[in-house]
């Protein structure tokens, strides 16, 4: 007999499934806090969360100018046989 494993709903899916009145209440509650109050409630990232955050930053970061740039691929500069050069 096969057992099916139910996938846990993400917090986003749970929020979307709430009625509109409940969503409004949650949003008002969050907006009522000042940034200082939110910061006081927060905690430092643990090692696993920090690794995920660093990996995200690495993937999302734009390359620095001059790093990993390749010269333009142009038939005249590559020296390939049969390359057409401008007159």
N, C-alpha and C. Protein backbone atom coordinates (compact mmCIF):
# COMPACT_ATOMS: atom_id res chain seq x y z
N UNK A 1 0.84 -1.17 0.00
CA UNK A 1 0.00 0.00 0.00
C UNK A 1 0.89 1.25 0.00
N UNK A 2 0.62 2.15 -0.90
CA UNK A 2 1.40 3.39 -1.00
C UNK A 2 0.87 4.42 -0.02
N UNK A 3 1.80 5.09 0.62
CA UNK A 3 1.41 6.20 1.48
C UNK A 3 1.78 7.49 0.77
N UNK A 4 0.86 8.40 0.75
CA UNK A 4 1.16 9.69 0.12
C UNK A 4 1.57 10.67 1.20
N UNK A 5 2.58 11.41 0.90
CA UNK A 5 3.07 12.43 1.82
C UNK A 5 2.51 13.77 1.36
N UNK A 6 1.80 14.42 2.25
CA UNK A 6 1.24 15.72 1.89
C UNK A 6 2.32 16.79 2.02
N UNK A 7 2.42 17.59 1.00
CA UNK A 7 3.39 18.66 1.01
C UNK A 7 2.89 19.78 1.94
N UNK A 8 3.77 20.28 2.78
CA UNK A 8 3.40 21.34 3.70
C UNK A 8 3.19 22.64 2.92
N UNK A 9 2.11 23.34 3.25
CA UNK A 9 1.83 24.61 2.57
C UNK A 9 2.84 25.66 3.00
N UNK A 10 3.22 26.49 2.06
CA UNK A 10 4.14 27.57 2.40
C UNK A 10 3.37 28.66 3.14
N UNK A 11 4.06 29.50 3.89
CA UNK A 11 3.37 30.59 4.59
C UNK A 11 2.63 31.51 3.63
N UNK A 12 3.15 31.66 2.42
CA UNK A 12 2.48 32.51 1.43
C UNK A 12 1.15 31.90 1.03
N UNK A 13 1.15 30.59 0.75
CA UNK A 13 -0.09 29.92 0.39
C UNK A 13 -1.11 29.97 1.52
N UNK A 14 -0.63 29.82 2.76
CA UNK A 14 -1.52 29.91 3.91
C UNK A 14 -2.14 31.30 4.01
N UNK A 15 -1.33 32.34 3.78
CA UNK A 15 -1.83 33.72 3.84
C UNK A 15 -2.86 33.97 2.75
N UNK A 16 -2.58 33.50 1.54
CA UNK A 16 -3.49 33.70 0.42
C UNK A 16 -4.83 33.01 0.68
N UNK A 17 -4.79 31.87 1.37
CA UNK A 17 -6.01 31.12 1.65
C UNK A 17 -6.89 31.78 2.71
N UNK A 18 -6.35 32.74 3.47
CA UNK A 18 -7.14 33.40 4.51
C UNK A 18 -8.23 34.27 3.91
N UNK A 19 -9.31 34.51 4.67
CA UNK A 19 -10.33 35.46 4.19
C UNK A 19 -9.76 36.88 4.18
N UNK A 20 -10.36 37.73 3.35
CA UNK A 20 -9.87 39.10 3.20
C UNK A 20 -9.82 39.87 4.51
N UNK A 21 -10.81 39.67 5.37
CA UNK A 21 -10.83 40.40 6.64
C UNK A 21 -9.62 40.03 7.51
N UNK A 22 -9.25 38.75 7.49
CA UNK A 22 -8.09 38.31 8.28
C UNK A 22 -6.79 38.88 7.69
N UNK A 23 -6.70 38.91 6.36
CA UNK A 23 -5.52 39.50 5.71
C UNK A 23 -5.38 40.97 6.09
N UNK A 24 -6.52 41.70 6.06
CA UNK A 24 -6.50 43.12 6.43
C UNK A 24 -6.00 43.31 7.85
N UNK A 25 -6.48 42.47 8.77
CA UNK A 25 -6.08 42.57 10.17
C UNK A 25 -4.57 42.35 10.33
N UNK A 26 -4.05 41.36 9.63
CA UNK A 26 -2.61 41.06 9.72
C UNK A 26 -1.78 42.21 9.15
N UNK A 27 -2.19 42.74 8.01
CA UNK A 27 -1.45 43.84 7.39
C UNK A 27 -1.47 45.07 8.29
N UNK A 28 -2.62 45.40 8.87
CA UNK A 28 -2.71 46.55 9.78
C UNK A 28 -1.81 46.36 11.00
N UNK A 29 -1.78 45.14 11.51
CA UNK A 29 -0.94 44.83 12.67
C UNK A 29 0.54 45.06 12.35
N UNK A 30 0.95 44.62 11.18
CA UNK A 30 2.36 44.77 10.77
C UNK A 30 2.69 46.24 10.52
N UNK A 31 1.78 46.96 9.85
CA UNK A 31 2.04 48.36 9.53
C UNK A 31 2.01 49.26 10.76
N UNK A 32 1.38 48.81 11.83
CA UNK A 32 1.30 49.61 13.05
C UNK A 32 2.65 49.65 13.79
N UNK A 33 3.50 48.66 13.55
CA UNK A 33 4.80 48.61 14.21
C UNK A 33 5.77 49.58 13.56
N UNK A 34 6.64 50.15 14.38
CA UNK A 34 7.71 51.00 13.84
C UNK A 34 8.88 50.09 13.47
N UNK A 35 9.78 50.57 12.63
CA UNK A 35 10.96 49.75 12.30
C UNK A 35 11.77 49.37 13.54
N UNK A 36 11.81 50.25 14.51
CA UNK A 36 12.56 49.96 15.74
C UNK A 36 11.92 48.80 16.50
N UNK A 37 10.58 48.74 16.53
CA UNK A 37 9.89 47.64 17.20
C UNK A 37 10.14 46.33 16.48
N UNK A 38 10.12 46.37 15.15
CA UNK A 38 10.39 45.15 14.39
C UNK A 38 11.82 44.66 14.62
N UNK A 39 12.76 45.60 14.68
CA UNK A 39 14.15 45.24 14.91
C UNK A 39 14.33 44.63 16.30
N UNK A 40 13.61 45.16 17.29
CA UNK A 40 13.71 44.64 18.66
C UNK A 40 13.19 43.21 18.74
N UNK A 41 12.20 42.85 17.92
CA UNK A 41 11.64 41.50 17.92
C UNK A 41 12.50 40.51 17.14
N UNK A 42 13.37 41.01 16.27
CA UNK A 42 14.15 40.13 15.40
C UNK A 42 15.27 39.44 16.18
N UNK A 43 15.90 38.48 15.53
CA UNK A 43 17.01 37.75 16.12
C UNK A 43 18.08 37.55 15.05
N UNK A 44 19.32 37.28 15.45
CA UNK A 44 20.36 37.02 14.45
C UNK A 44 20.08 35.72 13.71
N UNK A 45 20.61 35.62 12.49
CA UNK A 45 20.46 34.40 11.70
C UNK A 45 21.31 33.29 12.30
N UNK A 46 20.79 32.06 12.27
CA UNK A 46 21.62 30.94 12.69
C UNK A 46 22.51 30.52 11.52
N UNK A 47 23.36 29.53 11.73
CA UNK A 47 24.35 29.15 10.70
C UNK A 47 23.67 28.71 9.40
N UNK A 48 22.61 27.93 9.49
CA UNK A 48 21.92 27.46 8.28
C UNK A 48 21.28 28.62 7.53
N UNK A 49 20.59 29.50 8.27
CA UNK A 49 19.95 30.65 7.63
C UNK A 49 20.98 31.59 7.01
N UNK A 50 22.11 31.76 7.70
CA UNK A 50 23.17 32.63 7.18
C UNK A 50 23.74 32.07 5.88
N UNK A 51 23.92 30.74 5.81
CA UNK A 51 24.43 30.11 4.59
C UNK A 51 23.46 30.31 3.43
N UNK A 52 22.17 30.17 3.70
CA UNK A 52 21.15 30.39 2.67
C UNK A 52 21.19 31.84 2.20
N UNK A 53 21.32 32.78 3.14
CA UNK A 53 21.34 34.21 2.81
C UNK A 53 22.57 34.54 1.97
N UNK A 54 23.73 34.01 2.34
CA UNK A 54 24.96 34.27 1.59
C UNK A 54 24.85 33.71 0.18
N UNK A 55 24.30 32.51 0.04
CA UNK A 55 24.13 31.91 -1.28
C UNK A 55 23.18 32.75 -2.13
N UNK A 56 22.13 33.26 -1.53
CA UNK A 56 21.19 34.11 -2.26
C UNK A 56 21.88 35.39 -2.72
N UNK A 57 22.64 36.02 -1.82
CA UNK A 57 23.34 37.26 -2.19
C UNK A 57 24.32 37.01 -3.31
N UNK A 58 25.02 35.88 -3.26
CA UNK A 58 26.01 35.56 -4.29
C UNK A 58 25.32 35.38 -5.64
N UNK A 59 24.18 34.71 -5.64
CA UNK A 59 23.46 34.46 -6.88
C UNK A 59 22.82 35.72 -7.41
N UNK A 60 22.31 36.58 -6.54
CA UNK A 60 21.57 37.76 -6.95
C UNK A 60 22.49 38.94 -7.28
N UNK A 61 23.74 38.88 -6.88
CA UNK A 61 24.64 40.01 -7.07
C UNK A 61 24.99 40.20 -8.54
N UNK A 62 25.11 41.44 -8.92
CA UNK A 62 25.55 41.74 -10.29
C UNK A 62 27.07 41.65 -10.33
N UNK A 63 27.63 41.24 -11.45
CA UNK A 63 29.09 41.17 -11.53
C UNK A 63 29.70 42.56 -11.47
N UNK A 64 30.86 42.65 -10.84
CA UNK A 64 31.55 43.93 -10.76
C UNK A 64 32.11 44.29 -12.13
N UNK A 65 32.12 45.56 -12.50
CA UNK A 65 32.67 45.95 -13.81
C UNK A 65 34.12 45.49 -13.93
N UNK A 66 34.46 44.92 -15.06
CA UNK A 66 35.83 44.46 -15.30
C UNK A 66 36.06 43.03 -14.89
N UNK A 67 35.15 42.43 -14.13
CA UNK A 67 35.31 41.05 -13.70
C UNK A 67 34.53 40.14 -14.65
N UNK A 68 35.15 39.07 -15.07
CA UNK A 68 34.51 38.05 -15.90
C UNK A 68 33.99 38.58 -17.23
N UNK A 69 34.53 39.67 -17.69
CA UNK A 69 34.09 40.19 -18.98
C UNK A 69 34.85 39.47 -20.08
N UNK A 70 34.16 39.11 -21.12
CA UNK A 70 34.80 38.47 -22.26
C UNK A 70 34.87 39.49 -23.39
N UNK A 71 35.94 39.44 -24.17
CA UNK A 71 36.03 40.37 -25.30
C UNK A 71 34.91 40.08 -26.29
N UNK A 72 34.49 41.06 -27.06
CA UNK A 72 33.42 40.82 -28.01
C UNK A 72 33.81 39.75 -29.01
N UNK A 73 32.89 38.87 -29.32
CA UNK A 73 33.15 37.79 -30.26
C UNK A 73 32.91 38.32 -31.66
N UNK A 74 33.96 38.52 -32.38
CA UNK A 74 33.89 39.13 -33.70
C UNK A 74 34.75 38.24 -34.61
N UNK A 75 34.23 37.87 -35.74
CA UNK A 75 34.94 36.97 -36.66
C UNK A 75 36.31 37.53 -37.04
N UNK A 76 36.43 38.84 -37.16
CA UNK A 76 37.70 39.45 -37.56
C UNK A 76 38.75 39.33 -36.46
N UNK A 77 38.33 39.34 -35.21
CA UNK A 77 39.28 39.29 -34.11
C UNK A 77 39.57 37.85 -33.65
N UNK A 78 38.72 36.90 -34.03
CA UNK A 78 38.94 35.53 -33.60
C UNK A 78 39.96 34.82 -34.46
N UNK A 79 40.13 35.27 -35.71
CA UNK A 79 41.12 34.67 -36.59
C UNK A 79 40.68 33.32 -37.12
N UNK A 80 39.39 33.07 -37.12
CA UNK A 80 38.89 31.80 -37.63
C UNK A 80 38.97 31.80 -39.16
N UNK A 81 39.24 30.63 -39.70
CA UNK A 81 39.29 30.48 -41.16
C UNK A 81 37.92 30.76 -41.73
N UNK A 82 37.89 31.45 -42.84
CA UNK A 82 36.63 31.74 -43.51
C UNK A 82 35.92 32.96 -42.93
N UNK A 83 36.57 33.64 -42.02
CA UNK A 83 35.95 34.82 -41.42
C UNK A 83 35.91 35.93 -42.45
N UNK A 84 34.81 36.61 -42.50
CA UNK A 84 34.65 37.71 -43.44
C UNK A 84 35.13 38.98 -42.75
N UNK A 85 36.09 39.65 -43.40
CA UNK A 85 36.59 40.91 -42.83
C UNK A 85 36.04 42.07 -43.64
N UNK A 86 35.78 43.17 -42.98
CA UNK A 86 35.24 44.32 -43.72
C UNK A 86 36.29 44.87 -44.68
N UNK A 87 35.85 45.43 -45.85
CA UNK A 87 36.80 45.93 -46.86
C UNK A 87 37.54 47.17 -46.41
